[in-house]
N, C-alpha and C. Protein backbone atom coordinates (compact mmCIF):
# COMPACT_ATOMS: atom_id res chain seq x y z
N MET A 1 65.57 -61.98 1.70
CA MET A 1 65.24 -63.35 1.35
C MET A 1 66.53 -64.13 1.17
N SER A 2 66.57 -65.28 1.76
CA SER A 2 67.70 -66.16 1.55
C SER A 2 67.35 -67.11 0.41
N LYS A 3 68.21 -67.08 -0.63
CA LYS A 3 67.95 -67.95 -1.77
C LYS A 3 67.95 -69.41 -1.33
N SER A 4 68.81 -69.72 -0.35
CA SER A 4 68.87 -71.11 0.12
C SER A 4 67.57 -71.52 0.82
N LEU A 5 66.92 -70.58 1.51
CA LEU A 5 65.64 -70.90 2.16
C LEU A 5 64.60 -71.27 1.12
N VAL A 6 64.49 -70.49 0.07
CA VAL A 6 63.50 -70.77 -0.98
C VAL A 6 63.83 -72.06 -1.71
N SER A 7 65.12 -72.36 -1.83
CA SER A 7 65.55 -73.59 -2.54
C SER A 7 65.51 -74.82 -1.63
N ARG A 8 65.40 -74.60 -0.35
CA ARG A 8 65.51 -75.71 0.61
C ARG A 8 64.37 -76.72 0.50
N PHE A 9 63.16 -76.24 0.17
CA PHE A 9 62.00 -77.12 0.14
C PHE A 9 61.55 -77.37 -1.29
N PRO A 10 61.00 -78.55 -1.57
CA PRO A 10 60.50 -78.84 -2.92
C PRO A 10 59.33 -77.91 -3.29
N LEU A 11 59.13 -77.74 -4.58
CA LEU A 11 58.07 -76.86 -5.08
C LEU A 11 56.71 -77.24 -4.51
N VAL A 12 56.40 -78.52 -4.44
CA VAL A 12 55.09 -78.95 -3.95
C VAL A 12 54.88 -78.50 -2.50
N VAL A 13 55.94 -78.49 -1.69
CA VAL A 13 55.84 -78.05 -0.30
C VAL A 13 55.49 -76.56 -0.26
N TRP A 14 56.12 -75.77 -1.13
CA TRP A 14 55.82 -74.33 -1.16
C TRP A 14 54.36 -74.09 -1.55
N TRP A 15 53.87 -74.84 -2.54
CA TRP A 15 52.48 -74.64 -2.95
C TRP A 15 51.48 -75.10 -1.89
N ILE A 16 51.76 -76.22 -1.23
CA ILE A 16 50.86 -76.68 -0.15
C ILE A 16 50.85 -75.65 0.97
N ALA A 17 52.04 -75.17 1.35
CA ALA A 17 52.13 -74.16 2.41
C ALA A 17 51.42 -72.87 1.99
N ALA A 18 51.62 -72.45 0.75
CA ALA A 18 51.01 -71.21 0.26
C ALA A 18 49.48 -71.32 0.28
N ILE A 19 48.96 -72.42 -0.24
CA ILE A 19 47.50 -72.59 -0.28
C ILE A 19 46.93 -72.63 1.14
N ALA A 20 47.58 -73.36 2.03
CA ALA A 20 47.10 -73.45 3.42
C ALA A 20 47.15 -72.09 4.11
N LEU A 21 48.24 -71.35 3.91
CA LEU A 21 48.39 -70.06 4.58
C LEU A 21 47.49 -68.99 3.97
N VAL A 22 47.26 -69.04 2.66
CA VAL A 22 46.31 -68.11 2.05
C VAL A 22 44.91 -68.39 2.58
N ALA A 23 44.56 -69.68 2.73
CA ALA A 23 43.25 -70.03 3.29
C ALA A 23 43.13 -69.53 4.73
N LEU A 24 44.19 -69.70 5.52
CA LEU A 24 44.19 -69.21 6.90
C LEU A 24 44.03 -67.69 6.92
N SER A 25 44.73 -67.01 6.03
CA SER A 25 44.64 -65.55 5.94
C SER A 25 43.23 -65.10 5.55
N GLN A 26 42.62 -65.82 4.63
CA GLN A 26 41.25 -65.49 4.23
C GLN A 26 40.27 -65.71 5.39
N PHE A 27 40.49 -66.77 6.17
CA PHE A 27 39.66 -67.01 7.35
C PHE A 27 39.83 -65.87 8.35
N ALA A 28 41.08 -65.46 8.58
CA ALA A 28 41.35 -64.35 9.51
C ALA A 28 40.70 -63.06 9.00
N GLN A 29 40.75 -62.85 7.69
CA GLN A 29 40.11 -61.66 7.12
C GLN A 29 38.60 -61.71 7.33
N HIS A 30 38.01 -62.89 7.15
CA HIS A 30 36.57 -63.05 7.37
C HIS A 30 36.20 -62.68 8.81
N GLU A 31 37.00 -63.17 9.76
CA GLU A 31 36.76 -62.87 11.17
C GLU A 31 36.93 -61.37 11.45
N LEU A 32 37.95 -60.79 10.83
CA LEU A 32 38.18 -59.35 10.99
C LEU A 32 37.03 -58.55 10.40
N ASP A 33 36.55 -58.96 9.23
CA ASP A 33 35.40 -58.29 8.60
C ASP A 33 34.16 -58.39 9.47
N THR A 34 33.96 -59.55 10.11
CA THR A 34 32.81 -59.74 10.99
C THR A 34 32.88 -58.77 12.18
N LEU A 35 34.06 -58.68 12.77
CA LEU A 35 34.25 -57.76 13.90
C LEU A 35 34.07 -56.31 13.45
N TYR A 36 34.56 -56.00 12.25
CA TYR A 36 34.41 -54.64 11.70
C TYR A 36 32.93 -54.29 11.54
N LYS A 37 32.14 -55.24 11.04
CA LYS A 37 30.70 -55.01 10.90
C LYS A 37 30.04 -54.80 12.26
N LEU A 38 30.49 -55.55 13.26
CA LEU A 38 29.94 -55.37 14.61
C LEU A 38 30.24 -53.98 15.17
N SER A 39 31.35 -53.40 14.72
CA SER A 39 31.70 -52.05 15.20
C SER A 39 30.78 -51.00 14.59
N GLN A 40 30.10 -51.36 13.52
CA GLN A 40 29.18 -50.45 12.82
C GLN A 40 29.90 -49.21 12.30
N PHE A 41 31.15 -49.38 11.91
CA PHE A 41 31.87 -48.25 11.32
C PHE A 41 31.10 -47.82 10.08
N PRO A 42 30.87 -46.51 9.90
CA PRO A 42 29.93 -46.06 8.87
C PRO A 42 30.36 -46.25 7.41
N VAL A 43 31.63 -46.52 7.16
CA VAL A 43 32.07 -46.75 5.78
C VAL A 43 32.94 -48.01 5.74
N ASN A 44 33.24 -48.51 4.54
CA ASN A 44 34.04 -49.72 4.42
C ASN A 44 35.51 -49.45 4.77
N PHE A 45 36.27 -50.54 4.93
CA PHE A 45 37.70 -50.45 5.27
C PHE A 45 38.43 -49.49 4.34
N PHE A 46 38.29 -49.72 3.05
CA PHE A 46 39.07 -48.96 2.07
C PHE A 46 38.79 -47.47 2.19
N GLU A 47 37.51 -47.11 2.20
CA GLU A 47 37.16 -45.68 2.28
C GLU A 47 37.61 -45.08 3.61
N GLY A 48 37.44 -45.82 4.68
CA GLY A 48 37.81 -45.33 6.00
C GLY A 48 39.30 -45.10 6.17
N GLN A 49 40.09 -45.91 5.48
CA GLN A 49 41.54 -45.83 5.65
C GLN A 49 42.23 -44.92 4.64
N THR A 50 41.56 -44.60 3.56
CA THR A 50 42.24 -43.84 2.48
C THR A 50 41.62 -42.47 2.23
N SER A 51 40.93 -41.93 3.20
CA SER A 51 40.21 -40.66 2.98
C SER A 51 41.13 -39.45 2.94
N PHE A 52 42.25 -39.47 3.64
CA PHE A 52 43.13 -38.30 3.77
C PHE A 52 42.35 -37.07 4.26
N ASP A 53 41.30 -37.31 5.06
CA ASP A 53 40.42 -36.22 5.49
C ASP A 53 40.12 -36.36 6.99
N ALA A 54 40.76 -35.51 7.81
CA ALA A 54 40.61 -35.59 9.26
C ALA A 54 39.17 -35.35 9.69
N ALA A 55 38.49 -34.43 9.06
CA ALA A 55 37.11 -34.12 9.44
C ALA A 55 36.22 -35.35 9.26
N LYS A 56 36.40 -36.07 8.16
CA LYS A 56 35.61 -37.29 7.93
C LYS A 56 35.92 -38.35 8.99
N VAL A 57 37.21 -38.55 9.26
CA VAL A 57 37.58 -39.58 10.24
C VAL A 57 37.00 -39.24 11.61
N LYS A 58 37.08 -37.97 12.00
CA LYS A 58 36.52 -37.56 13.30
C LYS A 58 35.00 -37.76 13.31
N ALA A 59 34.35 -37.50 12.20
CA ALA A 59 32.90 -37.71 12.11
C ALA A 59 32.57 -39.20 12.22
N TRP A 60 33.36 -40.05 11.60
CA TRP A 60 33.13 -41.49 11.69
C TRP A 60 33.34 -41.98 13.12
N TYR A 61 34.38 -41.46 13.79
CA TYR A 61 34.61 -41.82 15.19
C TYR A 61 33.44 -41.36 16.06
N ALA A 62 32.87 -40.20 15.73
CA ALA A 62 31.72 -39.69 16.49
C ALA A 62 30.52 -40.63 16.34
N VAL A 63 30.35 -41.19 15.15
CA VAL A 63 29.27 -42.15 14.92
C VAL A 63 29.47 -43.38 15.81
N LEU A 64 30.70 -43.85 15.90
CA LEU A 64 30.99 -45.01 16.76
C LEU A 64 30.66 -44.69 18.21
N ALA A 65 31.01 -43.48 18.65
CA ALA A 65 30.73 -43.07 20.03
C ALA A 65 29.22 -43.03 20.27
N GLU A 66 28.48 -42.51 19.30
CA GLU A 66 27.02 -42.44 19.42
C GLU A 66 26.40 -43.84 19.50
N ARG A 67 26.95 -44.76 18.73
CA ARG A 67 26.41 -46.12 18.68
C ARG A 67 26.91 -46.99 19.83
N GLY A 68 27.89 -46.49 20.56
CA GLY A 68 28.46 -47.27 21.66
C GLY A 68 29.34 -48.41 21.21
N THR A 69 29.91 -48.30 20.02
CA THR A 69 30.73 -49.39 19.46
C THR A 69 32.20 -49.00 19.29
N PHE A 70 32.58 -47.91 19.94
CA PHE A 70 33.97 -47.43 19.80
C PHE A 70 34.96 -48.50 20.28
N GLY A 71 34.65 -49.12 21.41
CA GLY A 71 35.53 -50.17 21.95
C GLY A 71 35.67 -51.35 21.01
N THR A 72 34.59 -51.70 20.34
CA THR A 72 34.65 -52.80 19.36
C THR A 72 35.59 -52.44 18.22
N TYR A 73 35.53 -51.18 17.79
CA TYR A 73 36.41 -50.75 16.70
C TYR A 73 37.88 -50.79 17.13
N VAL A 74 38.15 -50.45 18.38
CA VAL A 74 39.53 -50.55 18.88
C VAL A 74 39.99 -52.01 18.83
N TRP A 75 39.09 -52.95 19.16
CA TRP A 75 39.44 -54.37 19.07
C TRP A 75 39.70 -54.80 17.63
N VAL A 76 39.03 -54.18 16.69
CA VAL A 76 39.31 -54.46 15.27
C VAL A 76 40.78 -54.15 14.98
N GLN A 77 41.25 -53.01 15.49
CA GLN A 77 42.64 -52.61 15.25
C GLN A 77 43.63 -53.59 15.89
N ILE A 78 43.27 -54.08 17.07
CA ILE A 78 44.14 -55.03 17.77
C ILE A 78 44.15 -56.38 17.05
N PHE A 79 42.96 -56.88 16.69
CA PHE A 79 42.85 -58.17 15.99
C PHE A 79 43.56 -58.11 14.64
N ASP A 80 43.61 -56.92 14.06
CA ASP A 80 44.25 -56.73 12.76
C ASP A 80 45.71 -57.18 12.79
N TYR A 81 46.37 -57.06 13.93
CA TYR A 81 47.77 -57.48 14.01
C TYR A 81 47.91 -58.99 13.81
N GLY A 82 46.96 -59.77 14.31
CA GLY A 82 46.97 -61.21 14.05
C GLY A 82 46.77 -61.50 12.58
N TYR A 83 45.84 -60.75 11.98
CA TYR A 83 45.61 -60.90 10.54
C TYR A 83 46.88 -60.57 9.75
N MET A 84 47.59 -59.54 10.17
CA MET A 84 48.83 -59.15 9.47
C MET A 84 49.84 -60.29 9.45
N LEU A 85 49.93 -61.03 10.55
CA LEU A 85 50.87 -62.16 10.60
C LEU A 85 50.49 -63.22 9.56
N THR A 86 49.19 -63.45 9.40
CA THR A 86 48.76 -64.45 8.41
C THR A 86 49.05 -63.96 7.00
N VAL A 87 48.90 -62.66 6.76
CA VAL A 87 49.20 -62.11 5.43
C VAL A 87 50.69 -62.23 5.14
N PHE A 88 51.51 -61.90 6.12
CA PHE A 88 52.96 -62.00 5.93
C PHE A 88 53.35 -63.42 5.52
N ALA A 89 52.88 -64.40 6.28
CA ALA A 89 53.21 -65.80 5.98
C ALA A 89 52.65 -66.23 4.63
N ALA A 90 51.40 -65.84 4.34
CA ALA A 90 50.76 -66.24 3.08
C ALA A 90 51.49 -65.62 1.89
N PHE A 91 51.78 -64.33 1.97
CA PHE A 91 52.43 -63.66 0.84
C PHE A 91 53.85 -64.18 0.61
N PHE A 92 54.59 -64.44 1.69
CA PHE A 92 55.95 -64.95 1.51
C PHE A 92 55.92 -66.32 0.84
N THR A 93 55.10 -67.23 1.35
CA THR A 93 55.08 -68.58 0.78
C THR A 93 54.51 -68.57 -0.64
N LEU A 94 53.52 -67.73 -0.89
CA LEU A 94 52.94 -67.66 -2.23
C LEU A 94 53.96 -67.15 -3.23
N MET A 95 54.70 -66.11 -2.85
CA MET A 95 55.71 -65.57 -3.76
C MET A 95 56.86 -66.55 -3.97
N ALA A 96 57.21 -67.30 -2.91
CA ALA A 96 58.25 -68.33 -3.05
C ALA A 96 57.77 -69.44 -3.99
N ALA A 97 56.51 -69.83 -3.89
CA ALA A 97 55.95 -70.87 -4.76
C ALA A 97 55.95 -70.42 -6.21
N VAL A 98 55.56 -69.17 -6.46
CA VAL A 98 55.57 -68.66 -7.83
C VAL A 98 57.01 -68.63 -8.36
N TYR A 99 57.93 -68.14 -7.54
CA TYR A 99 59.35 -68.08 -7.93
C TYR A 99 59.87 -69.46 -8.31
N ARG A 100 59.60 -70.44 -7.47
CA ARG A 100 60.09 -71.79 -7.72
C ARG A 100 59.40 -72.44 -8.91
N SER A 101 58.22 -71.97 -9.29
CA SER A 101 57.48 -72.53 -10.43
C SER A 101 58.03 -72.08 -11.77
N LEU A 102 58.74 -70.97 -11.76
CA LEU A 102 59.25 -70.41 -13.02
C LEU A 102 60.53 -71.12 -13.45
N PRO A 103 60.74 -71.29 -14.75
CA PRO A 103 61.98 -71.88 -15.22
C PRO A 103 63.20 -71.05 -14.79
N VAL A 104 64.28 -71.71 -14.49
CA VAL A 104 65.50 -71.03 -14.02
C VAL A 104 65.96 -69.97 -15.01
N THR A 105 65.75 -70.22 -16.29
CA THR A 105 66.21 -69.29 -17.32
C THR A 105 65.20 -68.19 -17.66
N SER A 106 64.06 -68.20 -17.01
CA SER A 106 63.00 -67.24 -17.34
C SER A 106 63.38 -65.83 -16.91
N TRP A 107 63.05 -64.85 -17.76
CA TRP A 107 63.25 -63.44 -17.44
C TRP A 107 62.40 -63.03 -16.23
N ALA A 108 61.32 -63.76 -16.01
CA ALA A 108 60.38 -63.41 -14.94
C ALA A 108 60.92 -63.77 -13.55
N ARG A 109 61.98 -64.54 -13.50
CA ARG A 109 62.53 -64.94 -12.20
C ARG A 109 63.04 -63.74 -11.40
N GLY A 110 63.57 -62.75 -12.08
CA GLY A 110 64.04 -61.55 -11.39
C GLY A 110 62.88 -60.81 -10.71
N ILE A 111 61.78 -60.70 -11.41
CA ILE A 111 60.58 -60.08 -10.83
C ILE A 111 60.09 -60.92 -9.65
N ALA A 112 60.06 -62.23 -9.85
CA ALA A 112 59.59 -63.13 -8.79
C ALA A 112 60.46 -63.02 -7.55
N ARG A 113 61.77 -62.92 -7.73
CA ARG A 113 62.68 -62.78 -6.59
C ARG A 113 62.39 -61.48 -5.84
N ALA A 114 62.18 -60.40 -6.60
CA ALA A 114 61.86 -59.11 -5.97
C ALA A 114 60.54 -59.18 -5.22
N MET A 115 59.56 -59.89 -5.78
CA MET A 115 58.24 -59.97 -5.14
C MET A 115 58.29 -60.76 -3.83
N ILE A 116 59.26 -61.66 -3.67
CA ILE A 116 59.41 -62.36 -2.40
C ILE A 116 59.72 -61.35 -1.29
N LEU A 117 60.42 -60.28 -1.66
CA LEU A 117 60.74 -59.23 -0.69
C LEU A 117 59.64 -58.18 -0.58
N ILE A 118 59.01 -57.85 -1.70
CA ILE A 118 58.02 -56.75 -1.73
C ILE A 118 56.69 -57.16 -1.10
N ALA A 119 56.15 -58.30 -1.48
CA ALA A 119 54.80 -58.70 -1.03
C ALA A 119 54.65 -58.72 0.49
N PRO A 120 55.61 -59.29 1.25
CA PRO A 120 55.44 -59.32 2.70
C PRO A 120 55.55 -57.95 3.38
N ILE A 121 55.88 -56.90 2.62
CA ILE A 121 55.94 -55.56 3.19
C ILE A 121 54.52 -55.00 3.42
N ALA A 122 53.52 -55.53 2.72
CA ALA A 122 52.14 -55.04 2.88
C ALA A 122 51.70 -55.03 4.35
N PRO A 123 51.90 -56.13 5.11
CA PRO A 123 51.48 -56.08 6.51
C PRO A 123 52.32 -55.11 7.35
N LEU A 124 53.53 -54.81 6.91
CA LEU A 124 54.33 -53.81 7.63
C LEU A 124 53.66 -52.44 7.52
N PHE A 125 53.22 -52.08 6.32
CA PHE A 125 52.51 -50.82 6.15
C PHE A 125 51.18 -50.83 6.92
N ASP A 126 50.54 -51.99 6.97
CA ASP A 126 49.31 -52.14 7.75
C ASP A 126 49.59 -51.88 9.23
N ALA A 127 50.70 -52.42 9.73
CA ALA A 127 51.07 -52.22 11.13
C ALA A 127 51.35 -50.75 11.43
N LEU A 128 52.04 -50.08 10.50
CA LEU A 128 52.32 -48.65 10.68
C LEU A 128 51.03 -47.84 10.66
N GLU A 129 50.14 -48.19 9.75
CA GLU A 129 48.83 -47.53 9.68
C GLU A 129 48.09 -47.67 11.01
N ASN A 130 48.10 -48.89 11.57
CA ASN A 130 47.41 -49.13 12.83
C ASN A 130 48.05 -48.36 13.99
N LEU A 131 49.37 -48.25 13.98
CA LEU A 131 50.04 -47.48 15.03
C LEU A 131 49.55 -46.03 15.01
N VAL A 132 49.45 -45.45 13.82
CA VAL A 132 48.94 -44.08 13.71
C VAL A 132 47.49 -44.03 14.17
N SER A 133 46.71 -45.06 13.81
CA SER A 133 45.30 -45.05 14.20
C SER A 133 45.15 -45.10 15.71
N PHE A 134 46.05 -45.80 16.42
CA PHE A 134 45.96 -45.83 17.88
C PHE A 134 46.18 -44.45 18.48
N VAL A 135 47.07 -43.67 17.87
CA VAL A 135 47.28 -42.29 18.33
C VAL A 135 46.00 -41.49 18.11
N MET A 136 45.37 -41.68 16.95
CA MET A 136 44.13 -40.97 16.64
C MET A 136 42.99 -41.42 17.56
N LEU A 137 42.92 -42.72 17.81
CA LEU A 137 41.84 -43.26 18.65
C LEU A 137 41.99 -42.85 20.12
N ALA A 138 43.21 -42.52 20.53
CA ALA A 138 43.43 -42.08 21.91
C ALA A 138 42.73 -40.75 22.19
N ASP A 139 42.55 -39.95 21.13
CA ASP A 139 41.84 -38.67 21.26
C ASP A 139 41.00 -38.47 20.00
N PRO A 140 39.90 -39.22 19.87
CA PRO A 140 39.15 -39.27 18.61
C PRO A 140 38.52 -37.94 18.18
N VAL A 141 38.35 -37.04 19.09
CA VAL A 141 37.73 -35.76 18.76
C VAL A 141 38.78 -34.71 18.40
N ASN A 142 39.92 -34.74 19.10
CA ASN A 142 40.90 -33.66 18.95
C ASN A 142 42.26 -34.10 18.42
N PHE A 143 42.36 -35.30 17.84
CA PHE A 143 43.69 -35.68 17.34
C PHE A 143 44.16 -34.67 16.28
N ALA A 144 45.46 -34.56 16.14
CA ALA A 144 46.04 -33.61 15.18
C ALA A 144 45.65 -34.01 13.76
N ASP A 145 45.10 -33.07 13.02
CA ASP A 145 44.59 -33.36 11.68
C ASP A 145 45.64 -33.97 10.75
N TRP A 146 46.90 -33.57 10.92
CA TRP A 146 47.95 -34.05 10.02
C TRP A 146 48.16 -35.56 10.12
N LEU A 147 47.69 -36.19 11.21
CA LEU A 147 47.88 -37.63 11.38
C LEU A 147 47.18 -38.45 10.29
N VAL A 148 46.14 -37.87 9.68
CA VAL A 148 45.45 -38.64 8.63
C VAL A 148 46.35 -38.85 7.41
N TYR A 149 47.35 -37.99 7.22
CA TYR A 149 48.20 -38.14 6.04
C TYR A 149 49.09 -39.38 6.11
N PRO A 150 49.85 -39.58 7.20
CA PRO A 150 50.59 -40.85 7.27
C PRO A 150 49.64 -42.06 7.38
N TYR A 151 48.53 -41.88 8.10
CA TYR A 151 47.57 -42.97 8.26
C TYR A 151 47.07 -43.45 6.90
N SER A 152 46.58 -42.52 6.08
CA SER A 152 46.05 -42.89 4.77
C SER A 152 47.15 -43.28 3.79
N ALA A 153 48.33 -42.66 3.92
CA ALA A 153 49.45 -43.01 3.02
C ALA A 153 49.88 -44.46 3.26
N PHE A 154 50.01 -44.85 4.53
CA PHE A 154 50.37 -46.24 4.83
C PHE A 154 49.30 -47.20 4.30
N ALA A 155 48.03 -46.81 4.43
CA ALA A 155 46.95 -47.65 3.93
C ALA A 155 47.03 -47.80 2.41
N CYS A 156 47.29 -46.70 1.72
CA CYS A 156 47.41 -46.75 0.25
C CYS A 156 48.57 -47.63 -0.19
N LEU A 157 49.70 -47.52 0.51
CA LEU A 157 50.85 -48.37 0.19
C LEU A 157 50.50 -49.84 0.42
N LYS A 158 49.81 -50.12 1.52
CA LYS A 158 49.38 -51.49 1.82
C LYS A 158 48.48 -52.04 0.71
N PHE A 159 47.44 -51.28 0.36
CA PHE A 159 46.51 -51.73 -0.67
C PHE A 159 47.21 -51.88 -2.02
N GLY A 160 48.15 -50.97 -2.32
CA GLY A 160 48.90 -51.05 -3.57
C GLY A 160 49.71 -52.33 -3.66
N ILE A 161 50.36 -52.70 -2.56
CA ILE A 161 51.16 -53.94 -2.55
C ILE A 161 50.25 -55.16 -2.62
N TYR A 162 49.10 -55.10 -1.97
CA TYR A 162 48.13 -56.20 -2.10
C TYR A 162 47.78 -56.40 -3.57
N LEU A 163 47.43 -55.33 -4.24
CA LEU A 163 47.04 -55.42 -5.65
C LEU A 163 48.19 -55.95 -6.50
N LEU A 164 49.39 -55.41 -6.29
CA LEU A 164 50.56 -55.86 -7.03
C LEU A 164 50.82 -57.35 -6.79
N THR A 165 50.66 -57.79 -5.56
CA THR A 165 50.89 -59.20 -5.22
C THR A 165 49.89 -60.11 -5.93
N TYR A 166 48.62 -59.73 -5.90
CA TYR A 166 47.61 -60.56 -6.56
C TYR A 166 47.81 -60.59 -8.07
N LEU A 167 48.11 -59.43 -8.66
CA LEU A 167 48.35 -59.39 -10.10
C LEU A 167 49.57 -60.22 -10.48
N TRP A 168 50.66 -60.07 -9.71
CA TRP A 168 51.86 -60.84 -10.02
C TRP A 168 51.63 -62.34 -9.86
N THR A 169 50.84 -62.73 -8.87
CA THR A 169 50.54 -64.15 -8.70
C THR A 169 49.89 -64.71 -9.96
N ILE A 170 48.92 -63.99 -10.50
CA ILE A 170 48.24 -64.44 -11.72
C ILE A 170 49.22 -64.50 -12.89
N VAL A 171 49.97 -63.42 -13.07
CA VAL A 171 50.93 -63.36 -14.19
C VAL A 171 51.99 -64.44 -14.04
N GLY A 172 52.54 -64.57 -12.83
CA GLY A 172 53.59 -65.56 -12.60
C GLY A 172 53.12 -66.99 -12.83
N VAL A 173 51.92 -67.30 -12.37
CA VAL A 173 51.37 -68.66 -12.57
C VAL A 173 51.13 -68.92 -14.05
N VAL A 174 50.61 -67.92 -14.77
CA VAL A 174 50.38 -68.08 -16.22
C VAL A 174 51.71 -68.32 -16.92
N ILE A 175 52.73 -67.55 -16.60
CA ILE A 175 54.06 -67.73 -17.22
C ILE A 175 54.59 -69.13 -16.91
N ALA A 176 54.45 -69.56 -15.66
CA ALA A 176 54.93 -70.89 -15.27
C ALA A 176 54.19 -72.00 -16.02
N LEU A 177 52.86 -71.87 -16.15
CA LEU A 177 52.08 -72.88 -16.85
C LEU A 177 52.42 -72.93 -18.34
N VAL A 178 52.53 -71.75 -18.95
CA VAL A 178 52.88 -71.70 -20.38
C VAL A 178 54.27 -72.29 -20.59
N SER A 179 55.21 -71.95 -19.72
CA SER A 179 56.57 -72.51 -19.84
C SER A 179 56.56 -74.03 -19.69
N ALA A 180 55.75 -74.53 -18.76
CA ALA A 180 55.67 -75.98 -18.56
C ALA A 180 55.06 -76.66 -19.78
N LEU A 181 54.03 -76.06 -20.37
CA LEU A 181 53.41 -76.63 -21.57
C LEU A 181 54.38 -76.62 -22.74
N ILE A 182 55.10 -75.54 -22.91
CA ILE A 182 56.10 -75.47 -23.98
C ILE A 182 57.15 -76.55 -23.77
N GLY A 183 57.56 -76.73 -22.51
CA GLY A 183 58.55 -77.77 -22.19
C GLY A 183 58.05 -79.17 -22.49
N LEU A 184 56.75 -79.39 -22.30
CA LEU A 184 56.17 -80.70 -22.59
C LEU A 184 56.16 -80.99 -24.09
N PHE A 185 55.82 -79.98 -24.88
CA PHE A 185 55.68 -80.20 -26.32
C PHE A 185 56.99 -80.08 -27.09
N ARG A 186 57.97 -79.37 -26.54
CA ARG A 186 59.24 -79.18 -27.24
C ARG A 186 59.95 -80.49 -27.52
N PRO A 187 60.09 -81.41 -26.56
CA PRO A 187 60.79 -82.67 -26.86
C PRO A 187 60.05 -83.47 -27.94
N ARG A 188 58.73 -83.47 -27.93
CA ARG A 188 57.97 -84.20 -28.96
C ARG A 188 58.23 -83.60 -30.34
N ALA A 189 58.26 -82.27 -30.39
CA ALA A 189 58.50 -81.62 -31.68
C ALA A 189 59.91 -81.95 -32.19
N GLN A 190 60.89 -82.02 -31.27
CA GLN A 190 62.25 -82.31 -31.69
C GLN A 190 62.36 -83.76 -32.17
N HIS A 191 61.63 -84.70 -31.50
CA HIS A 191 61.67 -86.11 -31.93
C HIS A 191 60.97 -86.28 -33.28
N ALA A 192 59.92 -85.49 -33.50
CA ALA A 192 59.18 -85.59 -34.76
C ALA A 192 60.03 -85.11 -35.92
N ALA A 193 60.90 -84.13 -35.67
CA ALA A 193 61.78 -83.61 -36.71
C ALA A 193 62.84 -84.63 -37.01
């Protein structure tokens, strides 16, 4: 992260960009979810990606083959890369907005600076997970069982960073709001004294 990049634009620009890009990312997720449902994959995204169980994954792929929706599921994996781009942009701008919202002297600024780097890594793990899935999908019946370990590990790292990003957004915004309120009332209290 370049500190000058985050400082280059006013806070309101970061928040407008963050809100717009989060909305775009949510729209992309909705479209991805719709395509996933069309694939009739037998379990939800989270369970399917974090099973660490080759036998289960092969059984799920067999269900897709039986239903004739295997090709649709492959398209889910391809479309996911577009979704990843929206997540990257949304998370970067959101973390920059939170960082810029915090007082310069706040202890939370260090965490916020780190989150500008950490949050956008989630789609990187998603991309790695998908790369492994393409190897598995190339031979859905006989892929090497050990492939589920990096596949599910990348998925767990992705979901973990998603959770951390959402939690930090809430905490960071609360800290920024409380700091702003304290700043509003402090001058009045000093004048009253």
